Protein backbone atom coordinates (compact mmCIF):
# COMPACT_ATOMS: atom_id res chain seq x y z
CA MET A 1 125.12 94.60 101.15
CA ASP A 2 125.62 95.54 97.45
CA ILE A 3 125.35 99.35 97.36
CA ALA A 4 125.20 99.46 93.61
CA ALA A 5 122.37 96.90 93.54
CA TRP A 6 120.54 98.88 96.23
CA LEU A 7 120.82 102.12 94.18
CA ARG A 8 119.67 100.24 91.11
CA SER A 9 116.54 99.01 92.94
CA LEU A 10 115.73 102.64 93.65
CA GLY A 11 116.26 103.63 90.08
CA LEU A 12 119.29 105.77 91.14
CA GLU A 13 122.11 103.71 89.70
CA GLU A 14 123.75 106.81 88.28
CA TYR A 15 125.15 107.51 91.81
CA ALA A 16 126.82 104.15 92.18
CA SER A 17 130.33 105.38 91.12
CA ALA A 18 130.09 108.39 93.51
CA PHE A 19 129.23 106.08 96.40
CA ARG A 20 132.04 103.72 95.45
CA ASP A 21 134.63 106.51 94.98
CA ASN A 22 133.85 107.91 98.41
CA ASP A 23 134.09 104.55 100.13
CA ILE A 24 130.48 104.47 101.22
CA ASP A 25 129.80 100.90 102.62
CA ALA A 26 126.75 99.39 104.26
CA GLN A 27 127.61 100.67 107.70
CA LEU A 28 128.30 104.32 106.59
CA LEU A 29 125.18 104.29 104.43
CA LEU A 30 122.99 104.20 107.52
CA HIS A 31 124.46 107.48 108.75
CA LEU A 32 124.25 109.57 105.60
CA LYS A 33 122.30 112.82 105.87
CA ALA A 34 121.02 115.36 103.31
CA GLU A 35 124.24 117.42 103.32
CA ASP A 36 126.32 114.24 102.82
CA LEU A 37 124.22 113.39 99.77
CA LYS A 38 124.84 116.85 98.32
CA GLU A 39 128.63 116.36 98.68
CA LEU A 40 128.18 113.05 96.84
CA GLY A 41 126.78 114.90 93.87
CA VAL A 42 123.05 114.16 94.47
CA ALA A 43 121.79 117.57 93.22
CA SER A 44 118.16 116.63 92.73
CA ILE A 45 115.99 117.38 95.75
CA GLY A 46 113.65 114.52 94.68
CA HIS A 47 116.52 112.07 94.55
CA ARG A 48 117.91 113.20 97.90
CA ARG A 49 114.38 112.76 99.42
CA LYS A 50 114.06 109.31 98.00
CA LEU A 51 117.53 108.32 99.32
CA ILE A 52 116.81 109.68 102.77
CA ASP A 53 113.53 107.71 102.97
CA ALA A 54 115.25 104.50 101.75
CA ILE A 55 118.07 104.94 104.29
CA ALA A 56 115.52 105.37 107.05
CA ASP A 57 113.90 102.08 105.95
CA LEU A 58 117.27 100.37 106.06
CA ARG A 59 117.86 101.73 109.61
CA ASP A 60 114.46 100.34 110.70
CA GLU A 61 115.19 96.96 109.26
CA ASP A 62 118.64 96.90 110.84
CA ALA A 63 117.20 97.85 114.24
CA ARG A 64 114.60 95.12 113.98
CA SER A 65 116.82 92.34 112.81
CA SER A 66 119.75 92.88 115.13
CA ASN A 67 120.42 93.53 118.78
CA VAL A 68 123.85 95.02 117.73
CA SER A 69 124.01 98.79 117.65
CA VAL A 70 124.24 100.36 114.20
CA ASP A 71 127.03 102.64 115.65
CA ARG A 72 129.30 99.67 116.17
CA PRO A 73 130.55 97.33 113.41
CA LEU A 74 129.60 93.66 113.69
CA PRO A 75 132.36 91.36 114.74
CA ALA A 76 133.44 88.76 112.20
CA PRO A 77 131.87 85.38 112.83
CA THR A 78 134.26 82.42 113.42
CA ALA A 79 133.75 78.69 113.08
CA ALA A 80 134.69 78.18 116.70
CA SER A 81 132.48 80.84 118.10
CA PRO A 82 129.03 81.02 116.44
CA GLU A 83 127.32 84.36 116.36
CA ALA A 84 125.42 85.10 119.56
CA GLY A 85 121.75 85.47 119.00
CA ALA A 86 121.34 82.71 116.38
CA GLU A 87 118.45 80.53 117.31
CA ARG A 88 116.33 77.67 116.15
CA ARG A 89 112.73 78.54 115.59
CA GLN A 90 109.73 78.01 113.45
CA LEU A 91 109.44 80.60 110.70
CA THR A 92 106.84 81.27 107.99
CA VAL A 93 108.52 82.60 104.86
CA MET A 94 106.80 84.46 102.04
CA PHE A 95 108.33 84.93 98.54
CA CYS A 96 106.47 87.52 96.45
CA ASP A 97 107.34 88.08 92.77
CA LEU A 98 106.10 90.58 90.23
CA VAL A 99 104.66 88.90 87.18
CA GLY A 100 106.01 89.89 83.79
CA SER A 101 108.73 92.19 85.01
CA THR A 102 111.12 91.10 82.19
CA ALA A 103 108.58 92.07 79.58
CA LEU A 104 108.02 95.48 81.38
CA ALA A 105 111.70 96.16 81.40
CA SER A 106 111.99 95.53 77.69
CA ARG A 107 109.03 97.71 76.83
CA LEU A 108 109.31 100.69 79.23
CA ASP A 109 111.73 103.55 79.64
CA VAL A 110 113.96 103.03 82.68
CA GLU A 111 112.38 106.00 84.50
CA ASP A 112 108.89 104.63 84.02
CA LEU A 113 110.07 101.19 85.15
CA ARG A 114 111.70 102.70 88.20
CA GLU A 115 108.41 104.36 89.15
CA ILE A 116 106.52 101.11 88.78
CA ILE A 117 109.01 99.01 90.71
CA GLY A 118 109.19 101.64 93.46
CA ALA A 119 105.40 101.75 93.83
CA TYR A 120 105.26 98.02 93.94
CA GLN A 121 107.99 97.73 96.63
CA GLN A 122 106.38 100.44 98.68
CA CYS A 123 103.01 98.61 98.48
CA VAL A 124 104.66 95.40 99.62
CA SER A 125 106.46 97.10 102.50
CA ASP A 126 103.37 98.81 103.81
CA THR A 127 101.24 95.75 103.59
CA ILE A 128 103.77 93.39 105.22
CA LYS A 129 104.26 95.88 108.08
CA ARG A 130 100.51 96.12 108.69
CA PHE A 131 100.36 92.32 109.20
CA GLY A 132 103.44 92.14 111.45
CA GLY A 133 105.88 90.70 108.99
CA PHE A 134 109.45 91.63 108.24
CA VAL A 135 110.83 92.42 104.80
CA ALA A 136 114.18 90.59 104.83
CA LYS A 137 115.39 91.39 101.28
CA TYR A 138 114.38 93.06 97.99
CA MET A 139 115.70 91.10 95.02
CA GLY A 140 114.83 93.17 92.04
CA ASP A 141 111.14 92.42 91.53
CA GLY A 142 111.10 89.74 94.18
CA VAL A 143 110.61 90.22 97.91
CA LEU A 144 111.60 87.86 100.72
CA VAL A 145 109.51 88.24 103.84
CA TYR A 146 109.65 86.57 107.31
CA PHE A 147 106.71 86.11 109.72
CA GLY A 148 107.90 84.94 113.05
CA TYR A 149 111.27 86.85 113.06
CA PRO A 150 112.30 89.12 114.61
CA GLN A 151 108.84 89.41 116.21
CA ALA A 152 107.06 86.11 116.77
CA HIS A 153 103.25 85.84 116.91
CA GLU A 154 101.10 82.85 117.70
CA ASP A 155 99.38 83.23 114.28
CA ASP A 156 102.29 83.97 111.97
CA ALA A 157 101.11 81.52 109.31
CA GLU A 158 97.71 83.16 109.28
CA ARG A 159 99.26 86.66 109.08
CA ALA A 160 101.40 85.62 106.17
CA VAL A 161 98.38 84.34 104.19
CA ARG A 162 96.25 87.36 105.05
CA ALA A 163 99.13 89.60 103.95
CA GLY A 164 99.42 87.66 100.68
CA LEU A 165 95.74 87.92 99.81
CA ALA A 166 95.81 91.64 100.76
CA LEU A 167 98.78 92.18 98.52
CA ILE A 168 97.08 90.74 95.52
CA ASP A 169 94.14 93.19 95.91
CA ILE A 170 96.31 96.23 96.70
CA VAL A 171 98.82 95.64 93.87
CA ASN A 172 95.92 95.26 91.44
CA GLU A 173 94.58 98.67 92.49
CA LEU A 174 97.81 100.59 91.97
CA GLU A 175 97.10 103.33 89.49
CA LEU A 176 100.01 102.83 87.13
CA SER A 177 100.47 102.91 83.43
CA ASP A 178 100.71 99.14 83.39
CA PRO A 179 98.51 96.91 85.58
CA LEU A 180 100.54 94.66 87.93
CA GLN A 181 100.07 91.06 89.11
CA VAL A 182 101.99 89.10 91.71
CA ARG A 183 102.75 85.46 92.53
CA ILE A 184 103.14 84.50 96.15
CA GLY A 185 104.53 81.34 97.79
CA ILE A 186 104.45 80.68 101.51
CA ALA A 187 106.14 77.92 103.45
CA THR A 188 106.63 77.14 107.19
CA GLY A 189 109.38 75.21 108.84
CA ILE A 190 112.20 75.05 111.42
CA VAL A 191 115.19 77.25 110.60
CA VAL A 192 118.25 78.68 112.31
CA VAL A 193 117.80 82.42 112.21
CA GLY A 194 119.95 85.37 113.27
CA ASP A 195 123.44 84.22 112.11
CA ILE A 196 125.60 86.70 110.31
CA VAL A 197 126.21 85.31 106.79
CA GLY A 198 128.24 86.49 103.93
CA PHE A 199 131.37 88.69 103.85
CA GLY A 200 132.14 92.38 103.58
CA GLU A 201 129.25 94.49 102.30
CA ALA A 202 127.20 91.37 101.62
CA ARG A 203 127.06 90.45 105.27
CA GLU A 204 123.48 90.20 106.75
CA ARG A 205 121.49 88.24 109.26
CA GLY A 206 120.44 85.11 107.45
CA VAL A 207 118.02 82.17 107.76
CA ILE A 208 119.51 78.65 107.43
CA GLY A 209 117.15 75.93 106.38
CA GLU A 210 115.06 74.74 103.45
CA THR A 211 111.99 76.87 104.23
CA PRO A 212 112.96 79.98 102.16
CA ASN A 213 113.79 77.70 99.25
CA ILE A 214 110.44 75.95 99.43
CA ALA A 215 108.67 79.32 99.60
CA ALA A 216 110.49 80.37 96.45
CA ARG A 217 109.62 77.11 94.64
CA LEU A 218 105.99 77.49 95.62
CA GLN A 219 105.97 80.99 94.27
CA GLY A 220 107.17 79.58 90.99
CA LEU A 221 104.27 77.18 90.92
CA ALA A 222 101.66 79.89 91.53
CA GLU A 223 99.50 81.38 88.85
CA PRO A 224 99.35 85.15 88.58
CA ASP A 225 97.45 86.70 91.52
CA THR A 226 97.44 83.54 93.63
CA VAL A 227 98.85 82.46 96.95
CA VAL A 228 100.28 78.91 97.08
CA ILE A 229 101.31 77.43 100.40
CA GLY A 230 103.06 74.29 101.61
CA GLU A 231 101.74 71.41 103.66
CA ARG A 232 103.02 72.61 107.03
CA THR A 233 101.46 76.07 106.57
CA HIS A 234 98.18 74.45 105.45
CA HIS A 235 98.21 72.26 108.56
CA LEU A 236 98.70 75.30 110.83
CA LEU A 237 95.78 77.19 109.19
CA GLY A 238 93.15 74.53 109.83
CA HIS A 239 89.91 75.85 108.30
CA LEU A 240 90.73 79.56 108.63
CA PHE A 241 90.76 79.75 104.82
CA ASP A 242 89.27 77.90 101.85
CA PHE A 243 91.84 76.08 99.81
CA ARG A 244 92.26 74.20 96.54
CA ASP A 245 94.48 71.08 96.86
CA LEU A 246 97.02 71.16 94.09
CA GLY A 247 98.29 67.66 94.97
CA THR A 248 101.92 66.60 95.12
CA LEU A 249 104.09 68.48 92.61
CA GLU A 250 107.55 67.84 91.31
CA VAL A 251 109.87 70.63 92.42
CA LYS A 252 113.31 71.36 91.08
CA GLY A 253 115.98 70.58 93.65
CA TYR A 254 113.85 68.09 95.66
CA SER A 255 113.94 64.39 95.24
CA GLU A 256 110.41 63.97 96.58
CA PRO A 257 107.39 65.80 95.34
CA ILE A 258 105.91 68.42 97.70
CA ARG A 259 102.21 69.03 98.51
CA ALA A 260 100.84 72.40 97.72
CA TYR A 261 97.60 74.26 98.24
CA GLN A 262 96.18 77.42 96.65
CA VAL A 263 94.50 79.77 99.12
CA LEU A 264 91.12 80.84 97.72
CA ARG A 265 89.61 83.08 100.37
CA ARG A 266 88.98 83.55 104.07
CA SER A 267 86.50 80.92 105.33
CA ILE A 268 83.10 81.74 106.60
CA LEU A 269 84.06 80.43 110.13
CA ASP A 270 84.64 83.11 112.68
CA SER A 271 85.47 80.89 115.67
CA ARG A 272 89.21 80.55 115.65
CA PHE A 273 88.80 77.54 117.92
CA GLU A 274 86.43 75.79 115.54
CA ALA A 275 88.54 76.72 112.51
CA LEU A 276 91.79 75.43 114.06
CA HIS A 277 90.33 72.32 115.72
CA GLY A 278 87.36 71.23 113.62
CA GLU A 279 86.04 68.00 115.14
CA ARG A 280 89.45 67.21 116.84
CA LEU A 281 88.41 68.22 120.34
CA THR A 282 90.75 67.56 123.17
CA PRO A 283 89.07 65.69 126.08
CA LEU A 284 87.99 68.02 128.87
CA VAL A 285 90.10 66.94 131.82
CA GLY A 286 90.43 68.64 135.23
CA ARG A 287 87.73 71.17 134.66
CA GLU A 288 84.88 69.61 136.63
CA ASN A 289 84.62 72.53 139.09
CA GLU A 290 84.33 75.09 136.32
CA ILE A 291 81.69 73.06 134.48
CA GLU A 292 79.69 72.68 137.60
CA ALA A 293 79.85 76.38 138.33
CA LEU A 294 78.58 77.17 134.74
CA ARG A 295 75.77 74.65 135.23
CA HIS A 296 74.70 76.50 138.43
CA CYS A 297 74.86 79.90 136.69
CA TRP A 298 72.71 78.56 133.77
CA GLN A 299 70.09 77.41 136.16
CA ARG A 300 69.99 80.82 137.87
CA ALA A 301 69.84 82.57 134.46
CA LYS A 302 66.87 80.55 133.44
CA GLY A 303 65.18 81.76 136.59
CA ILE A 304 65.48 85.35 135.20
CA GLU A 305 68.59 86.07 137.24
CA GLY A 306 70.99 86.99 134.48
CA GLN A 307 74.53 85.84 135.02
CA VAL A 308 77.91 86.91 133.64
CA ILE A 309 80.95 84.64 133.79
CA LEU A 310 84.31 86.17 133.10
CA LEU A 311 86.54 83.33 131.94
CA VAL A 312 90.23 84.31 132.00
CA GLY A 313 93.30 82.25 131.13
CA GLU A 314 96.50 82.27 129.06
CA PRO A 315 96.48 81.18 125.40
CA GLY A 316 95.81 77.43 124.87
CA ILE A 317 94.57 76.89 128.47
CA GLY A 318 91.14 75.70 127.39
CA LYS A 319 88.72 78.70 127.54
CA SER A 320 87.10 78.06 124.20
CA ARG A 321 86.95 74.30 124.95
CA ILE A 322 84.87 75.03 128.04
CA THR A 323 82.42 77.21 126.09
CA VAL A 324 82.01 74.32 123.59
CA ALA A 325 81.33 72.03 126.51
CA VAL A 326 78.65 74.34 127.90
CA LEU A 327 76.89 74.53 124.51
CA GLU A 328 77.09 70.74 124.11
CA GLU A 329 75.53 70.18 127.63
CA ILE A 330 72.52 72.32 126.98
CA ALA A 331 72.10 71.38 123.26
CA ASN A 332 68.77 69.66 123.87
CA GLU A 333 67.26 72.52 125.97
CA GLN A 334 64.97 75.24 124.65
CA ARG A 335 67.36 78.19 124.29
CA THR A 336 68.94 80.70 121.91
CA HIS A 337 72.67 80.82 121.66
CA LEU A 338 74.63 83.80 120.36
CA CYS A 339 78.35 83.66 119.66
CA TYR A 340 80.62 86.66 119.06
CA PHE A 341 84.21 86.36 118.14
CA CYS A 342 86.68 89.20 118.38
CA SER A 343 89.62 89.16 116.00
CA PRO A 344 93.23 90.35 116.29
CA HIS A 345 92.90 91.65 112.71
CA HIS A 346 89.74 93.73 113.31
CA SER A 347 90.28 95.31 116.78
CA GLY A 348 89.96 98.73 115.12
CA SER A 349 86.74 97.87 113.20
CA ALA A 350 83.60 99.13 115.10
CA LEU A 351 81.17 96.37 116.10
CA TYR A 352 82.96 93.79 114.02
CA PRO A 353 81.91 90.77 116.12
CA ILE A 354 78.31 91.91 116.19
CA ILE A 355 78.23 92.53 112.43
CA ARG A 356 79.68 89.02 111.78
CA GLN A 357 77.19 87.40 114.20
CA LEU A 358 74.20 89.14 112.46
CA GLU A 359 75.50 88.00 109.00
CA ARG A 360 75.74 84.35 110.25
CA ALA A 361 72.37 84.43 111.95
CA ALA A 362 70.78 85.75 108.77
CA GLU A 363 72.74 83.08 106.77
CA MET A 364 74.18 85.66 104.45
CA SER A 365 76.77 84.52 101.84
CA PRO A 366 79.57 86.62 100.29
CA ASP A 367 77.97 85.78 96.96
CA ASP A 368 74.55 87.23 97.86
CA ASP A 369 73.59 90.42 96.13
CA THR A 370 72.21 93.41 98.16
CA SER A 371 68.56 92.51 97.52
CA THR A 372 69.07 88.92 98.77
CA LYS A 373 70.94 90.10 101.91
CA LEU A 374 68.12 92.52 102.67
CA ASP A 375 65.57 89.76 102.27
CA LYS A 376 67.47 87.54 104.72
CA LEU A 377 67.92 90.45 107.18
CA GLU A 378 64.15 91.11 107.08
CA THR A 379 63.41 87.48 107.82
CA LEU A 380 65.81 87.43 110.73
CA LEU A 381 64.41 90.60 112.34
CA ALA A 382 60.79 89.71 111.72
CA ALA A 383 61.27 86.76 114.08
CA THR A 384 61.62 89.26 116.98
CA SER A 385 59.05 91.80 115.65
CA THR A 386 61.82 94.41 115.37
CA ALA A 387 60.66 97.97 115.02
CA ALA A 388 61.12 99.69 111.70
CA GLU A 389 63.63 102.22 113.12
CA ASP A 390 65.70 99.42 114.55
CA CYS A 391 65.60 97.53 111.25
CA SER A 392 66.89 100.62 109.56
CA LEU A 393 69.76 100.98 112.07
CA VAL A 394 70.74 97.36 111.78
CA SER A 395 70.63 97.54 108.03
CA ASP A 396 72.90 100.59 108.11
CA LEU A 397 75.28 98.71 110.51
CA LEU A 398 75.64 95.90 107.88
CA SER A 399 76.30 98.58 105.17
CA LEU A 400 73.12 97.60 103.36
CA PRO A 401 71.08 100.35 101.69
CA SER A 402 67.44 100.37 102.94
CA SER A 403 66.22 100.55 99.23
CA GLY A 404 62.93 101.93 100.49
CA ARG A 405 62.23 98.94 102.74
CA PHE A 406 63.08 100.80 106.03
CA PRO A 407 62.61 104.46 107.04
CA THR A 408 65.75 106.66 106.83
CA PHE A 409 66.85 109.12 109.59
CA ASP A 410 69.04 112.19 109.42
CA LEU A 411 71.32 111.49 112.44
CA SER A 412 74.73 112.70 113.46
CA PRO A 413 77.44 110.00 113.80
CA GLN A 414 77.10 110.11 117.61
CA GLN A 415 73.35 109.84 117.44
CA ARG A 416 73.49 106.96 115.06
CA LYS A 417 76.00 105.11 117.21
CA SER A 418 73.89 105.63 120.36
CA ARG A 419 70.64 104.52 118.72
CA THR A 420 72.33 101.53 117.13
CA LEU A 421 73.60 100.32 120.48
CA GLN A 422 70.20 100.76 121.99
CA ALA A 423 68.63 98.86 119.07
CA LEU A 424 71.07 95.95 119.58
CA VAL A 425 70.24 95.80 123.32
CA ARG A 426 66.48 95.78 122.41
CA GLN A 427 67.21 92.92 120.04
CA LEU A 428 68.66 90.90 122.92
CA GLU A 429 65.68 91.74 125.15
CA ALA A 430 63.32 90.45 122.39
CA LEU A 431 65.19 87.18 122.07
CA ALA A 432 65.29 86.70 125.85
CA GLY A 433 61.52 87.37 125.97
CA ARG A 434 60.98 84.21 123.83
CA GLU A 435 63.37 81.80 125.61
CA PRO A 436 66.58 81.79 127.70
CA VAL A 437 69.75 82.95 125.91
CA VAL A 438 73.35 81.83 126.14
CA MET A 439 75.76 84.44 124.88
CA ILE A 440 79.44 83.62 124.24
CA PHE A 441 81.75 86.55 123.72
CA GLU A 442 85.22 85.18 122.73
CA ASP A 443 88.67 86.78 122.90
CA VAL A 444 87.59 90.08 124.37
CA HIS A 445 91.24 91.10 124.74
CA TRP A 446 90.88 91.90 121.00
CA ILE A 447 87.57 93.77 121.22
CA ASP A 448 87.05 97.12 119.55
CA PRO A 449 86.02 100.12 121.66
CA THR A 450 82.39 100.30 120.34
CA SER A 451 81.79 96.59 120.95
CA LEU A 452 83.13 97.10 124.46
CA GLU A 453 80.65 99.87 125.02
CA LEU A 454 77.88 97.60 123.79
CA LEU A 455 79.13 94.81 126.15
CA ASP A 456 79.05 97.37 129.02
CA ARG A 457 75.35 97.99 128.34
CA THR A 458 74.65 94.28 127.94
CA VAL A 459 76.20 93.27 131.19
CA GLU A 460 74.10 95.89 133.00
CA ARG A 461 70.88 94.99 131.20
CA ILE A 462 70.90 91.22 131.58
CA ARG A 463 70.75 91.37 135.32
CA MET A 464 66.91 90.99 134.97
CA LEU A 465 66.87 88.79 131.87
CA PRO A 466 67.13 85.02 131.39
CA VAL A 467 70.63 85.33 129.92
CA LEU A 468 73.89 83.64 130.70
CA LEU A 469 76.85 85.65 129.22
CA VAL A 470 80.29 83.98 129.12
CA VAL A 471 83.14 86.35 128.29
CA THR A 472 86.55 84.88 127.58
CA PHE A 473 89.84 86.75 127.57
CA ARG A 474 93.57 86.64 128.31
CA PRO A 475 95.11 88.04 131.52
CA GLU A 476 96.23 91.28 129.81
CA PHE A 477 92.62 92.46 129.53
CA THR A 478 91.17 94.17 132.56
CA PRO A 479 87.44 93.64 132.71
CA PRO A 480 85.42 96.62 133.88
CA TRP A 481 82.57 94.54 135.28
CA SER A 482 84.20 92.82 138.21
CA GLY A 483 82.50 93.23 141.54
CA GLN A 484 78.92 93.38 140.31
CA PRO A 485 76.64 90.96 142.12
CA HIS A 486 75.64 88.99 139.01
CA VAL A 487 79.24 88.82 137.67
CA SER A 488 81.66 85.97 138.58
CA MET A 489 85.31 85.67 137.71
CA MET A 490 86.59 82.22 136.79
CA THR A 491 90.46 81.86 136.25
CA LEU A 492 91.75 78.82 134.43
CA GLY A 493 95.03 77.59 135.66
CA ARG A 494 97.44 74.98 134.18
CA LEU A 495 96.60 71.35 134.77
CA GLY A 496 98.18 69.65 137.75
CA GLN A 497 100.29 66.51 137.59
CA ARG A 498 97.42 63.94 137.82
CA ASP A 499 95.25 65.75 135.29
CA GLY A 500 98.21 66.23 132.94
CA VAL A 501 98.89 62.50 132.97
CA ALA A 502 95.20 61.75 132.36
CA LEU A 503 95.10 64.24 129.44
CA VAL A 504 98.27 62.71 127.83
CA GLU A 505 96.68 59.19 128.11
CA HIS A 506 93.44 60.44 126.53
CA VAL A 507 95.10 62.35 123.70
CA LEU A 508 97.80 59.84 122.73
CA GLY A 509 95.61 56.84 123.26
CA GLN A 510 96.65 53.24 123.98
CA GLN A 511 100.30 53.46 122.85
CA ASP A 512 101.80 51.52 125.78
CA LEU A 513 104.06 54.47 126.74
CA PRO A 514 106.23 53.85 129.76
CA ALA A 515 105.56 56.00 132.77
CA GLU A 516 108.83 57.87 132.33
CA ALA A 517 107.77 58.88 128.73
CA ILE A 518 104.40 60.15 129.94
CA GLN A 519 106.05 62.13 132.70
CA GLY A 520 108.41 63.68 130.21
CA ILE A 521 105.51 64.74 127.98
CA VAL A 522 103.64 66.23 130.95
CA GLU A 523 106.70 68.29 131.87
CA ARG A 524 107.30 69.47 128.29
CA THR A 525 103.68 70.52 127.75
CA ASP A 526 103.64 72.30 131.09
CA GLY A 527 99.93 71.72 131.90
CA VAL A 528 98.70 73.58 128.82
CA PRO A 529 96.27 71.50 126.68
CA LEU A 530 97.18 73.31 123.47
CA TYR A 531 100.88 72.37 123.86
CA LEU A 532 99.87 68.77 124.15
CA GLU A 533 97.79 69.01 120.96
CA GLU A 534 100.84 70.44 119.17
CA PHE A 535 103.08 67.79 120.57
CA LYS A 536 100.74 65.12 119.25
CA LEU A 537 100.65 66.74 115.78
CA ILE A 538 104.49 67.11 115.62
CA ARG A 539 104.77 63.38 116.60
CA GLU A 540 102.27 62.36 113.90
CA GLU A 541 104.09 64.39 111.26
CA SER A 542 107.39 62.90 112.38
CA ASN A 543 106.01 59.38 112.21
CA GLY A 544 104.50 60.12 108.78
CA SER A 545 107.85 61.40 107.49
CA ARG A 546 109.69 58.31 108.66
CA GLN A 547 107.05 56.03 107.04
CA SER A 548 107.28 57.80 103.77
């Protein structure tokens, strides 16, 4: 680590000689306290406070990126003995750069520039942390960020793009003397991560592979206030976002052009399964018993014996695929279907899945003005002859002003919440009074507390309604409704050997694979349908690369 460069990034370069004269290296820096800074000649309380905060950030980054104690110096790596902890993994890398920083530096006083760069870096740090990323390095006005190391998530590519879009908005809102813009590039690929690279104070845990370079090149291609991603990242995101295809672009340092996409906005799709799979549905294999049980429950529900199915299984096991199969099977029957999707990014937003379902049902568009949204809401609620008070509560839930169309009520927050939940249950009762209802509540392990309270009321109420409610979740969620007579638990396990072979043959098609190869694929995908889908995609990408 270059101490002088670090101090310069904080706007405190005047202390560089004091740190150097007192032999402060990267290791000692992590242990400096306020009294140490006084002895180093940092007389300003403000400067000491800034240094203490920055050192605390370094400690946090060091703890996250290394299993080695900060109290013990790192052993020097050798060619014969690679550093323990280095591993091969998929990583999504973001490179964020401040637009026009050179012009700012030439125009502003260094103190003003320090304030702007500091606010920008703090904004980046806070936003990246919120989305589960890791700031690997500040490089002047550029920031290198990892998603997938040291903490890996199943949706790291999505987190990176969400963070990028959020950064654009947040940086634009900074109240500074000069408005700021950023360019962001994001790439995903296989790297070796965790090795100690460099020497002396410049030693750090590095990432070996072309992915960081591609992210930096994509950033260079981006227009101000845009996010540009590579082909692999685009592939992982499916239809979670809307994109503009930038085509294949010539990039310095690469003999072949690379494909790039600009991220425009989050898509209107709320179903993660639909967004990530589209029309590429894996055949349903080995789930005949579960489908038959759901058929039986649907018949009972239509006889006004409301049924609840709790569908539990690990990620990728096929929960959403079964709900799609249920809706396909009853597509020609007279029924209403309601789909609610919990989100890992909105588990703290009250009634988020309900709000999104109402907006979809009313066919609201992000481009609609308030009046148009109210018109659409009125049309939706008129179909169930919703009472004026309930219309007002639903309108308020969607953050739409009543504009004189609905009565207003002076309610405390608790009263408003209680009456809103009652209104939503009455809405379900009205729908069920017209025809049987299928409700799908997806990914309840991410549910917010208020939606869970509504689900409690719904489970109890549908006992005497023609409603089939299917609730999907992962094993870490403990459902509070087990044991009730109209509630059934259905656990999806991994596919057995025979079903695994059948699924491989379905997914890979007629490729004349030898039995040994099929057996190897079954073992590697371990009975999880999603793993097989990913295996197929990797195989297709590999074949495409060889052909090109």
